[in-house]
Amino acid sequence: MPPILEIHTLIMKKEIHPQNYRLVVFKDISCDYSFISRSTVDTKETIVMDDGKEYPLVKLEISHMSHPFYTGKMKLVDTAGRVDKFRNRYKKHGEKKAE
């Protein structure tokens, strides 16, 4: 066994970590970026990737490819319309103070 695996098995407590890790596709829906990682997350959706295999799919609203901190762009990603709802709700309130 390689030394890293020996340390890993010595440090980790037995029987407390999940055993059902599998390859899962995480897809950033704001910029159409996908990546595959191991995960135990439950999902009902699947996607066929470029390799022709079908994987479970987890949709993300933001990732390192769309987050302003990592991209350097101050782009507002609002898939649920929350900002518009907020502005419409408090639009009249702001107008009253301006008078």
PDB file of N, CA and C in Angstrom:
ATOM      1  N   MET A   1       0.840  -1.178   0.000  1.00  0.00           N
ATOM      2  CA  MET A   1       0.000   0.000   0.000  1.00  0.00           C
ATOM      3  C   MET A   1       0.892   1.251   0.000  1.00  0.00           C
ATOM      4  N   PRO A   2       0.576   2.253  -0.849  1.00  0.00           N
ATOM      5  CA  PRO A   2       1.359   3.488  -0.844  1.00  0.00           C
ATOM      6  C   PRO A   2       1.271   4.186   0.509  1.00  0.00           C
ATOM      7  N   PRO A   3       2.309   4.926   0.891  1.00  0.00           N
ATOM      8  CA  PRO A   3       2.330   5.569   2.204  1.00  0.00           C
ATOM      9  C   PRO A   3       1.139   6.489   2.464  1.00  0.00           C
ATOM     10  N   ILE A   4       0.654   7.219   1.452  1.00  0.00           N
ATOM     11  CA  ILE A   4      -0.471   8.130   1.669  1.00  0.00           C
ATOM     12  C   ILE A   4      -1.714   7.352   2.068  1.00  0.00           C
ATOM     13  N   LEU A   5      -1.968   6.239   1.422  1.00  0.00           N
ATOM     14  CA  LEU A   5      -3.134   5.442   1.762  1.00  0.00           C
ATOM     15  C   LEU A   5      -3.005   4.844   3.160  1.00  0.00           C
ATOM     16  N   GLU A   6      -1.813   4.486   3.556  1.00  0.00           N
ATOM     17  CA  GLU A   6      -1.624   3.955   4.901  1.00  0.00           C
ATOM     18  C   GLU A   6      -1.982   5.009   5.942  1.00  0.00           C
ATOM     19  N   ILE A   7      -1.510   6.240   5.741  1.00  0.00           N
ATOM     20  CA  ILE A   7      -1.817   7.333   6.677  1.00  0.00           C
ATOM     21  C   ILE A   7      -3.312   7.598   6.673  1.00  0.00           C
ATOM     22  N   HIS A   8      -3.911   7.612   5.485  1.00  0.00           N
ATOM     23  CA  HIS A   8      -5.336   7.880   5.354  1.00  0.00           C
ATOM     24  C   HIS A   8      -6.164   6.858   6.127  1.00  0.00           C
ATOM     25  N   THR A   9      -5.817   5.586   6.016  1.00  0.00           N
ATOM     26  CA  THR A   9      -6.580   4.555   6.713  1.00  0.00           C
ATOM     27  C   THR A   9      -6.315   4.573   8.211  1.00  0.00           C
ATOM     28  N   LEU A  10      -5.162   5.062   8.632  1.00  0.00           N
ATOM     29  CA  LEU A  10      -4.877   5.139  10.060  1.00  0.00           C
ATOM     30  C   LEU A  10      -5.588   6.313  10.720  1.00  0.00           C
ATOM     31  N   ILE A  11      -5.714   7.416  10.009  1.00  0.00           N
ATOM     32  CA  ILE A  11      -6.303   8.627  10.586  1.00  0.00           C
ATOM     33  C   ILE A  11      -7.822   8.566  10.615  1.00  0.00           C
ATOM     34  N   MET A  12      -8.442   8.053   9.559  1.00  0.00           N
ATOM     35  CA  MET A  12      -9.904   8.055   9.472  1.00  0.00           C
ATOM     36  C   MET A  12     -10.519   7.057  10.445  1.00  0.00           C
ATOM     37  N   LYS A  13     -11.560   7.495  11.129  1.00  0.00           N
ATOM     38  CA  LYS A  13     -12.280   6.590  12.016  1.00  0.00           C
ATOM     39  C   LYS A  13     -13.092   5.617  11.177  1.00  0.00           C
ATOM     40  N   LYS A  14     -13.167   4.402  11.631  1.00  0.00           N
ATOM     41  CA  LYS A  14     -13.880   3.366  10.896  1.00  0.00           C
ATOM     42  C   LYS A  14     -15.384   3.465  11.148  1.00  0.00           C
ATOM     43  N   GLU A  15     -16.156   3.100  10.123  1.00  0.00           N
ATOM     44  CA  GLU A  15     -17.611   2.963  10.179  1.00  0.00           C
ATOM     45  C   GLU A  15     -18.377   4.261  10.413  1.00  0.00           C
ATOM     46  N   ILE A  16     -17.759   5.423  10.208  1.00  0.00           N
ATOM     47  CA  ILE A  16     -18.523   6.667  10.331  1.00  0.00           C
ATOM     48  C   ILE A  16     -18.619   7.407   9.000  1.00  0.00           C
ATOM     49  N   HIS A  17     -17.875   6.964   8.004  1.00  0.00           N
ATOM     50  CA  HIS A  17     -17.892   7.604   6.699  1.00  0.00           C
ATOM     51  C   HIS A  17     -18.763   6.808   5.741  1.00  0.00           C
ATOM     52  N   PRO A  18     -19.510   7.501   4.870  1.00  0.00           N
ATOM     53  CA  PRO A  18     -20.374   6.777   3.929  1.00  0.00           C
ATOM     54  C   PRO A  18     -19.559   5.933   2.958  1.00  0.00           C
ATOM     55  N   GLN A  19     -20.149   4.844   2.529  1.00  0.00           N
ATOM     56  CA  GLN A  19     -19.472   3.933   1.609  1.00  0.00           C
ATOM     57  C   GLN A  19     -20.039   4.035   0.191  1.00  0.00           C
ATOM     58  N   ASN A  20     -21.090   4.829  -0.001  1.00  0.00           N
ATOM     59  CA  ASN A  20     -21.760   4.872  -1.303  1.00  0.00           C
ATOM     60  C   ASN A  20     -21.296   6.035  -2.183  1.00  0.00           C
ATOM     61  N   TYR A  21     -20.009   6.323  -2.213  1.00  0.00           N
ATOM     62  CA  TYR A  21     -19.479   7.347  -3.108  1.00  0.00           C
ATOM     63  C   TYR A  21     -19.595   6.862  -4.542  1.00  0.00           C
ATOM     64  N   ARG A  22     -19.971   7.784  -5.434  1.00  0.00           N
ATOM     65  CA  ARG A  22     -20.049   7.467  -6.854  1.00  0.00           C
ATOM     66  C   ARG A  22     -19.733   8.732  -7.647  1.00  0.00           C
ATOM     67  N   LEU A  23     -19.477   8.593  -8.921  1.00  0.00           N
ATOM     68  CA  LEU A  23     -19.213   9.748  -9.769  1.00  0.00           C
ATOM     69  C   LEU A  23     -20.523  10.479 -10.044  1.00  0.00           C
ATOM     70  N   VAL A  24     -20.505  11.800  -9.857  1.00  0.00           N
ATOM     71  CA  VAL A  24     -21.681  12.646 -10.033  1.00  0.00           C
ATOM     72  C   VAL A  24     -21.270  13.866 -10.851  1.00  0.00           C
ATOM     73  N   VAL A  25     -22.152  14.322 -11.740  1.00  0.00           N
ATOM     74  CA  VAL A  25     -21.911  15.538 -12.512  1.00  0.00           C
ATOM     75  C   VAL A  25     -22.542  16.711 -11.779  1.00  0.00           C
ATOM     76  N   PHE A  26     -21.740  17.751 -11.533  1.00  0.00           N
ATOM     77  CA  PHE A  26     -22.228  19.006 -10.980  1.00  0.00           C
ATOM     78  C   PHE A  26     -22.244  20.006 -12.117  1.00  0.00           C
ATOM     79  N   LYS A  27     -23.410  20.629 -12.371  1.00  0.00           N
ATOM     80  CA  LYS A  27     -23.555  21.536 -13.516  1.00  0.00           C
ATOM     81  C   LYS A  27     -23.970  22.920 -13.029  1.00  0.00           C
ATOM     82  N   ASP A  28     -23.162  23.918 -13.367  1.00  0.00           N
ATOM     83  CA  ASP A  28     -23.465  25.317 -13.066  1.00  0.00           C
ATOM     84  C   ASP A  28     -24.441  25.795 -14.135  1.00  0.00           C
ATOM     85  N   ILE A  29     -25.701  26.019 -13.755  1.00  0.00           N
ATOM     86  CA  ILE A  29     -26.719  26.373 -14.737  1.00  0.00           C
ATOM     87  C   ILE A  29     -26.608  27.818 -15.210  1.00  0.00           C
ATOM     88  N   SER A  30     -25.847  28.655 -14.516  1.00  0.00           N
ATOM     89  CA  SER A  30     -25.720  30.049 -14.939  1.00  0.00           C
ATOM     90  C   SER A  30     -24.721  30.223 -16.073  1.00  0.00           C
ATOM     91  N   CYS A  31     -23.768  29.290 -16.224  1.00  0.00           N
ATOM     92  CA  CYS A  31     -22.779  29.435 -17.307  1.00  0.00           C
ATOM     93  C   CYS A  31     -22.565  28.131 -18.075  1.00  0.00           C
ATOM     94  N   ASP A  32     -23.405  27.128 -17.822  1.00  0.00           N
ATOM     95  CA  ASP A  32     -23.356  25.854 -18.542  1.00  0.00           C
ATOM     96  C   ASP A  32     -22.001  25.155 -18.412  1.00  0.00           C
ATOM     97  N   TYR A  33     -21.427  25.198 -17.217  1.00  0.00           N
ATOM     98  CA  TYR A  33     -20.154  24.519 -16.925  1.00  0.00           C
ATOM     99  C   TYR A  33     -20.447  23.268 -16.104  1.00  0.00           C
ATOM    100  N   SER A  34     -19.831  22.156 -16.465  1.00  0.00           N
ATOM    101  CA  SER A  34     -20.037  20.896 -15.754  1.00  0.00           C
ATOM    102  C   SER A  34     -18.707  20.283 -15.354  1.00  0.00           C
ATOM    103  N   PHE A  35     -18.725  19.604 -14.202  1.00  0.00           N
ATOM    104  CA  PHE A  35     -17.552  18.843 -13.787  1.00  0.00           C
ATOM    105  C   PHE A  35     -18.005  17.596 -13.054  1.00  0.00           C
ATOM    106  N   ILE A  36     -17.154  16.580 -13.074  1.00  0.00           N
ATOM    107  CA  ILE A  36     -17.460  15.303 -12.443  1.00  0.00           C
ATOM    108  C   ILE A  36     -16.638  15.174 -11.172  1.00  0.00           C
ATOM    109  N   SER A  37     -17.310  14.752 -10.109  1.00  0.00           N
ATOM    110  CA  SER A  37     -16.639  14.537  -8.828  1.00  0.00           C
ATOM    111  C   SER A  37     -17.306  13.366  -8.125  1.00  0.00           C
ATOM    112  N   ARG A  38     -16.622  12.834  -7.146  1.00  0.00           N
ATOM    113  CA  ARG A  38     -17.223  11.771  -6.336  1.00  0.00           C
ATOM    114  C   ARG A  38     -18.079  12.394  -5.260  1.00  0.00           C
ATOM    115  N   SER A  39     -19.252  11.805  -5.022  1.00  0.00           N
ATOM    116  CA  SER A  39     -20.171  12.359  -4.038  1.00  0.00           C
ATOM    117  C   SER A  39     -21.140  11.292  -3.562  1.00  0.00           C
ATOM    118  N   THR A  40     -21.798  11.570  -2.458  1.00  0.00           N
ATOM    119  CA  THR A  40     -22.852  10.697  -1.937  1.00  0.00           C
ATOM    120  C   THR A  40     -24.215  11.361  -2.050  1.00  0.00           C
ATOM    121  N   VAL A  41     -24.301  12.504  -2.708  1.00  0.00           N
ATOM    122  CA  VAL A  41     -25.534  13.266  -2.799  1.00  0.00           C
ATOM    123  C   VAL A  41     -26.614  12.466  -3.535  1.00  0.00           C
ATOM    124  N   ASP A  42     -27.857  12.570  -3.055  1.00  0.00           N
ATOM    125  CA  ASP A  42     -28.985  11.911  -3.705  1.00  0.00           C
ATOM    126  C   ASP A  42     -29.560  12.845  -4.768  1.00  0.00           C
ATOM    127  N   THR A  43     -29.823  12.318  -5.934  1.00  0.00           N
ATOM    128  CA  THR A  43     -30.406  13.107  -7.009  1.00  0.00           C
ATOM    129  C   THR A  43     -31.254  12.211  -7.891  1.00  0.00           C
ATOM    130  N   LYS A  44     -32.291  12.797  -8.481  1.00  0.00           N
ATOM    131  CA  LYS A  44     -33.180  12.025  -9.354  1.00  0.00           C
ATOM    132  C   LYS A  44     -32.860  12.240 -10.824  1.00  0.00           C
ATOM    133  N   GLU A  45     -32.146  13.319 -11.145  1.00  0.00           N
ATOM    134  CA  GLU A  45     -31.831  13.636 -12.535  1.00  0.00           C
ATOM    135  C   GLU A  45     -30.519  12.976 -12.957  1.00  0.00           C
ATOM    136  N   THR A  46     -30.415  12.705 -14.248  1.00  0.00           N
ATOM    137  CA  THR A  46     -29.182  12.153 -14.807  1.00  0.00           C
ATOM    138  C   THR A  46     -28.821  12.928 -16.070  1.00  0.00           C
ATOM    139  N   ILE A  47     -27.571  12.773 -16.497  1.00  0.00           N
ATOM    140  CA  ILE A  47     -27.079  13.422 -17.704  1.00  0.00           C
ATOM    141  C   ILE A  47     -26.075  12.502 -18.377  1.00  0.00           C
ATOM    142  N   VAL A  48     -26.057  12.521 -19.710  1.00  0.00           N
ATOM    143  CA  VAL A  48     -25.071  11.760 -20.473  1.00  0.00           C
ATOM    144  C   VAL A  48     -23.940  12.716 -20.829  1.00  0.00           C
ATOM    145  N   MET A  49     -22.742  12.378 -20.413  1.00  0.00           N
ATOM    146  CA  MET A  49     -21.588  13.238 -20.665  1.00  0.00           C
ATOM    147  C   MET A  49     -20.925  12.877 -21.991  1.00  0.00           C
ATOM    148  N   ASP A  50     -19.847  13.591 -22.328  1.00  0.00           N
ATOM    149  CA  ASP A  50     -19.139  13.403 -23.596  1.00  0.00           C
ATOM    150  C   ASP A  50     -18.566  11.999 -23.752  1.00  0.00           C
ATOM    151  N   ASP A  51     -18.299  11.327 -22.643  1.00  0.00           N
ATOM    152  CA  ASP A  51     -17.742   9.976 -22.722  1.00  0.00           C
ATOM    153  C   ASP A  51     -18.807   8.912 -23.014  1.00  0.00           C
ATOM    154  N   GLY A  52     -20.078   9.355 -23.127  1.00  0.00           N
ATOM    155  CA  GLY A  52     -21.167   8.440 -23.441  1.00  0.00           C
ATOM    156  C   GLY A  52     -21.787   7.765 -22.240  1.00  0.00           C
ATOM    157  N   LYS A  53     -21.264   8.019 -21.049  1.00  0.00           N
ATOM    158  CA  LYS A  53     -21.790   7.409 -19.835  1.00  0.00           C
ATOM    159  C   LYS A  53     -22.842   8.314 -19.197  1.00  0.00           C
ATOM    160  N   GLU A  54     -23.787   7.691 -18.517  1.00  0.00           N
ATOM    161  CA  GLU A  54     -24.842   8.427 -17.820  1.00  0.00           C
ATOM    162  C   GLU A  54     -24.459   8.569 -16.349  1.00  0.00           C
ATOM    163  N   TYR A  55     -24.560   9.803 -15.833  1.00  0.00           N
ATOM    164  CA  TYR A  55     -24.198  10.099 -14.451  1.00  0.00           C
ATOM    165  C   TYR A  55     -25.359  10.791 -13.748  1.00  0.00           C
ATOM    166  N   PRO A  56     -25.440  10.656 -12.424  1.00  0.00           N
ATOM    167  CA  PRO A  56     -26.393  11.475 -11.673  1.00  0.00           C
ATOM    168  C   PRO A  56     -26.027  12.948 -11.829  1.00  0.00           C
ATOM    169  N   LEU A  57     -27.031  13.838 -11.826  1.00  0.00           N
ATOM    170  CA  LEU A  57     -26.816  15.262 -12.067  1.00  0.00           C
ATOM    171  C   LEU A  57     -27.261  16.093 -10.874  1.00  0.00           C
ATOM    172  N   VAL A  58     -26.385  17.018 -10.462  1.00  0.00           N
ATOM    173  CA  VAL A  58     -26.714  18.004  -9.434  1.00  0.00           C
ATOM    174  C   VAL A  58     -26.552  19.373 -10.073  1.00  0.00           C
ATOM    175  N   LYS A  59     -27.627  20.181 -10.039  1.00  0.00           N
ATOM    176  CA  LYS A  59     -27.576  21.515 -10.631  1.00  0.00           C
ATOM    177  C   LYS A  59     -27.161  22.528  -9.575  1.00  0.00           C
ATOM    178  N   LEU A  60     -26.205  23.377  -9.951  1.00  0.00           N
ATOM    179  CA  LEU A  60     -25.707  24.425  -9.070  1.00  0.00           C
ATOM    180  C   LEU A  60     -26.098  25.780  -9.637  1.00  0.00           C
ATOM    181  N   GLU A  61     -26.398  26.739  -8.760  1.00  0.00           N
ATOM    182  CA  GLU A  61     -26.683  28.092  -9.226  1.00  0.00           C
ATOM    183  C   GLU A  61     -25.406  28.887  -9.436  1.00  0.00           C
ATOM    184  N   ILE A  62     -24.344  28.500  -8.754  1.00  0.00           N
ATOM    185  CA  ILE A  62     -23.085  29.240  -8.871  1.00  0.00           C
ATOM    186  C   ILE A  62     -21.922  28.291  -8.596  1.00  0.00           C
ATOM    187  N   SER A  63     -20.817  28.511  -9.299  1.00  0.00           N
ATOM    188  CA  SER A  63     -19.599  27.733  -9.088  1.00  0.00           C
ATOM    189  C   SER A  63     -18.410  28.665  -9.267  1.00  0.00           C
ATOM    190  N   HIS A  64     -17.227  28.116  -9.276  1.00  0.00           N
ATOM    191  CA  HIS A  64     -16.039  28.959  -9.448  1.00  0.00           C
ATOM    192  C   HIS A  64     -15.990  29.583 -10.842  1.00  0.00           C
ATOM    193  N   MET A  65     -16.735  29.042 -11.789  1.00  0.00           N
ATOM    194  CA  MET A  65     -16.739  29.596 -13.145  1.00  0.00           C
ATOM    195  C   MET A  65     -17.678  30.789 -13.286  1.00  0.00           C
ATOM    196  N   SER A  66     -18.596  30.981 -12.325  1.00  0.00           N
ATOM    197  CA  SER A  66     -19.537  32.092 -12.433  1.00  0.00           C
ATOM    198  C   SER A  66     -19.498  33.034 -11.228  1.00  0.00           C
ATOM    199  N   HIS A  67     -18.778  32.679 -10.180  1.00  0.00           N
ATOM    200  CA  HIS A  67     -18.722  33.518  -8.981  1.00  0.00           C
ATOM    201  C   HIS A  67     -17.822  34.729  -9.231  1.00  0.00           C
ATOM    202  N   PRO A  68     -18.304  35.943  -8.895  1.00  0.00           N
ATOM    203  CA  PRO A  68     -17.517  37.156  -9.160  1.00  0.00           C
ATOM    204  C   PRO A  68     -16.126  37.153  -8.530  1.00  0.00           C
ATOM    205  N   PHE A  69     -15.956  36.524  -7.397  1.00  0.00           N
ATOM    206  CA  PHE A  69     -14.641  36.499  -6.755  1.00  0.00           C
ATOM    207  C   PHE A  69     -13.617  35.798  -7.639  1.00  0.00           C
ATOM    208  N   TYR A  70     -14.022  34.705  -8.271  1.00  0.00           N
ATOM    209  CA  TYR A  70     -13.101  33.925  -9.088  1.00  0.00           C
ATOM    210  C   TYR A  70     -12.999  34.430 -10.526  1.00  0.00           C
ATOM    211  N   THR A  71     -14.075  35.031 -11.034  1.00  0.00           N
ATOM    212  CA  THR A  71     -14.068  35.492 -12.422  1.00  0.00           C
ATOM    213  C   THR A  71     -13.525  36.904 -12.564  1.00  0.00           C
ATOM    214  N   GLY A  72     -13.591  37.698 -11.482  1.00  0.00           N
ATOM    215  CA  GLY A  72     -13.150  39.087 -11.548  1.00  0.00           C
ATOM    216  C   GLY A  72     -14.192  40.006 -12.148  1.00  0.00           C
ATOM    217  N   LYS A  73     -15.335  39.466 -12.485  1.00  0.00           N
ATOM    218  CA  LYS A  73     -16.420  40.264 -13.061  1.00  0.00           C
ATOM    219  C   LYS A  73     -17.519  40.411 -12.022  1.00  0.00           C
ATOM    220  N   MET A  74     -18.048  41.596 -11.914  1.00  0.00           N
ATOM    221  CA  MET A  74     -19.157  41.833 -10.989  1.00  0.00           C
ATOM    222  C   MET A  74     -20.463  41.599 -11.738  1.00  0.00           C
ATOM    223  N   LYS A  75     -20.763  40.352 -11.974  1.00  0.00           N
ATOM    224  CA  LYS A  75     -21.966  39.977 -12.711  1.00  0.00           C
ATOM    225  C   LYS A  75     -22.957  39.392 -11.711  1.00  0.00           C
ATOM    226  N   LEU A  76     -24.170  39.928 -11.695  1.00  0.00           N
ATOM    227  CA  LEU A  76     -25.191  39.443 -10.776  1.00  0.00           C
ATOM    228  C   LEU A  76     -25.872  38.232 -11.392  1.00  0.00           C
ATOM    229  N   VAL A  77     -25.795  37.106 -10.726  1.00  0.00           N
ATOM    230  CA  VAL A  77     -26.453  35.898 -11.183  1.00  0.00           C
ATOM    231  C   VAL A  77     -27.664  35.698 -10.302  1.00  0.00           C
ATOM    232  N   ASP A  78     -28.832  35.860 -10.900  1.00  0.00           N
ATOM    233  CA  ASP A  78     -30.069  35.755 -10.130  1.00  0.00           C
ATOM    234  C   ASP A  78     -31.055  34.886 -10.899  1.00  0.00           C
ATOM    235  N   THR A  79     -30.993  33.593 -10.686  1.00  0.00           N
ATOM    236  CA  THR A  79     -31.837  32.676 -11.445  1.00  0.00           C
ATOM    237  C   THR A  79     -33.259  32.638 -10.931  1.00  0.00           C
ATOM    238  N   ALA A  80     -33.494  33.043  -9.707  1.00  0.00           N
ATOM    239  CA  ALA A  80     -34.837  32.955  -9.142  1.00  0.00           C
ATOM    240  C   ALA A  80     -35.584  34.278  -9.185  1.00  0.00           C
ATOM    241  N   GLY A  81     -34.973  35.358  -9.662  1.00  0.00           N
ATOM    242  CA  GLY A  81     -35.629  36.652  -9.725  1.00  0.00           C
ATOM    243  C   GLY A  81     -35.771  37.325  -8.380  1.00  0.00           C
ATOM    244  N   ARG A  82     -34.950  36.961  -7.421  1.00  0.00           N
ATOM    245  CA  ARG A  82     -35.070  37.492  -6.065  1.00  0.00           C
ATOM    246  C   ARG A  82     -34.798  38.993  -6.001  1.00  0.00           C
ATOM    247  N   VAL A  83     -33.820  39.447  -6.765  1.00  0.00           N
ATOM    248  CA  VAL A  83     -33.470  40.867  -6.739  1.00  0.00           C
ATOM    249  C   VAL A  83     -34.618  41.687  -7.313  1.00  0.00           C
ATOM    250  N   ASP A  84     -35.212  41.228  -8.407  1.00  0.00           N
ATOM    251  CA  ASP A  84     -36.337  41.948  -8.998  1.00  0.00           C
ATOM    252  C   ASP A  84     -37.529  41.990  -8.047  1.00  0.00           C
ATOM    253  N   LYS A  85     -37.805  40.895  -7.372  1.00  0.00           N
ATOM    254  CA  LYS A  85     -38.895  40.871  -6.402  1.00  0.00           C
ATOM    255  C   LYS A  85     -38.642  41.879  -5.282  1.00  0.00           C
ATOM    256  N   PHE A  86     -37.411  41.928  -4.802  1.00  0.00           N
ATOM    257  CA  PHE A  86     -37.054  42.855  -3.736  1.00  0.00           C
ATOM    258  C   PHE A  86     -37.237  44.301  -4.201  1.00  0.00           C
ATOM    259  N   ARG A  87     -36.720  44.603  -5.380  1.00  0.00           N
ATOM    260  CA  ARG A  87     -36.825  45.974  -5.902  1.00  0.00           C
ATOM    261  C   ARG A  87     -38.278  46.383  -6.102  1.00  0.00           C
ATOM    262  N   ASN A  88     -39.100  45.485  -6.644  1.00  0.00           N
ATOM    263  CA  ASN A  88     -40.515  45.804  -6.844  1.00  0.00           C
ATOM    264  C   ASN A  88     -41.248  45.980  -5.524  1.00  0.00           C
ATOM    265  N   ARG A  89     -40.921  45.174  -4.541  1.00  0.00           N
ATOM    266  CA  ARG A  89     -41.591  45.238  -3.246  1.00  0.00           C
ATOM    267  C   ARG A  89     -41.296  46.554  -2.524  1.00  0.00           C
ATOM    268  N   TYR A  90     -40.068  46.997  -2.597  1.00  0.00           N
ATOM    269  CA  TYR A  90     -39.669  48.191  -1.851  1.00  0.00           C
ATOM    270  C   TYR A  90     -39.530  49.434  -2.735  1.00  0.00           C
ATOM    271  N   LYS A  91     -40.026  49.356  -3.946  1.00  0.00           N
ATOM    272  CA  LYS A  91     -39.963  50.488  -4.865  1.00  0.00           C
ATOM    273  C   LYS A  91     -40.759  51.676  -4.322  1.00  0.00           C
ATOM    274  N   LYS A  92     -41.982  51.406  -3.870  1.00  0.00           N
ATOM    275  CA  LYS A  92     -42.836  52.480  -3.337  1.00  0.00           C
ATOM    276  C   LYS A  92     -42.259  53.061  -2.064  1.00  0.00           C
ATOM    277  N   HIS A  93     -41.641  52.236  -1.257  1.00  0.00           N
ATOM    278  CA  HIS A  93     -41.053  52.692  -0.005  1.00  0.00           C
ATOM    279  C   HIS A  93     -39.936  53.708  -0.276  1.00  0.00           C
ATOM    280  N   GLY A  94     -39.141  53.454  -1.285  1.00  0.00           N
ATOM    281  CA  GLY A  94     -38.056  54.369  -1.641  1.00  0.00           C
ATOM    282  C   GLY A  94     -38.575  55.670  -2.230  1.00  0.00           C
ATOM    283  N   GLU A  95     -39.704  55.604  -2.957  1.00  0.00           N
ATOM    284  CA  GLU A  95     -40.288  56.802  -3.545  1.00  0.00           C
ATOM    285  C   GLU A  95     -40.850  57.732  -2.491  1.00  0.00           C
ATOM    286  N   LYS A  96     -41.415  57.183  -1.421  1.00  0.00           N
ATOM    287  CA  LYS A  96     -41.989  58.005  -0.350  1.00  0.00           C
ATOM    288  C   LYS A  96     -40.915  58.819   0.347  1.00  0.00           C
ATOM    289  N   LYS A  97     -39.766  58.232   0.584  1.00  0.00           N
ATOM    290  CA  LYS A  97     -38.699  58.942   1.269  1.00  0.00           C
ATOM    291  C   LYS A  97     -38.104  60.046   0.387  1.00  0.00           C
ATOM    292  N   ALA A  98     -38.152  59.852  -0.926  1.00  0.00           N
ATOM    293  CA  ALA A  98     -37.575  60.840  -1.838  1.00  0.00           C
ATOM    294  C   ALA A  98     -38.409  62.106  -1.893  1.00  0.00           C
ATOM    295  N   GLU A  99     -39.708  62.001  -1.556  1.00  0.00           N
ATOM    296  CA  GLU A  99     -40.597  63.175  -1.587  1.00  0.00           C
ATOM    297  C   GLU A  99     -40.308  64.060  -0.443  1.00  0.00           C
TER     298      GLU A  99
END
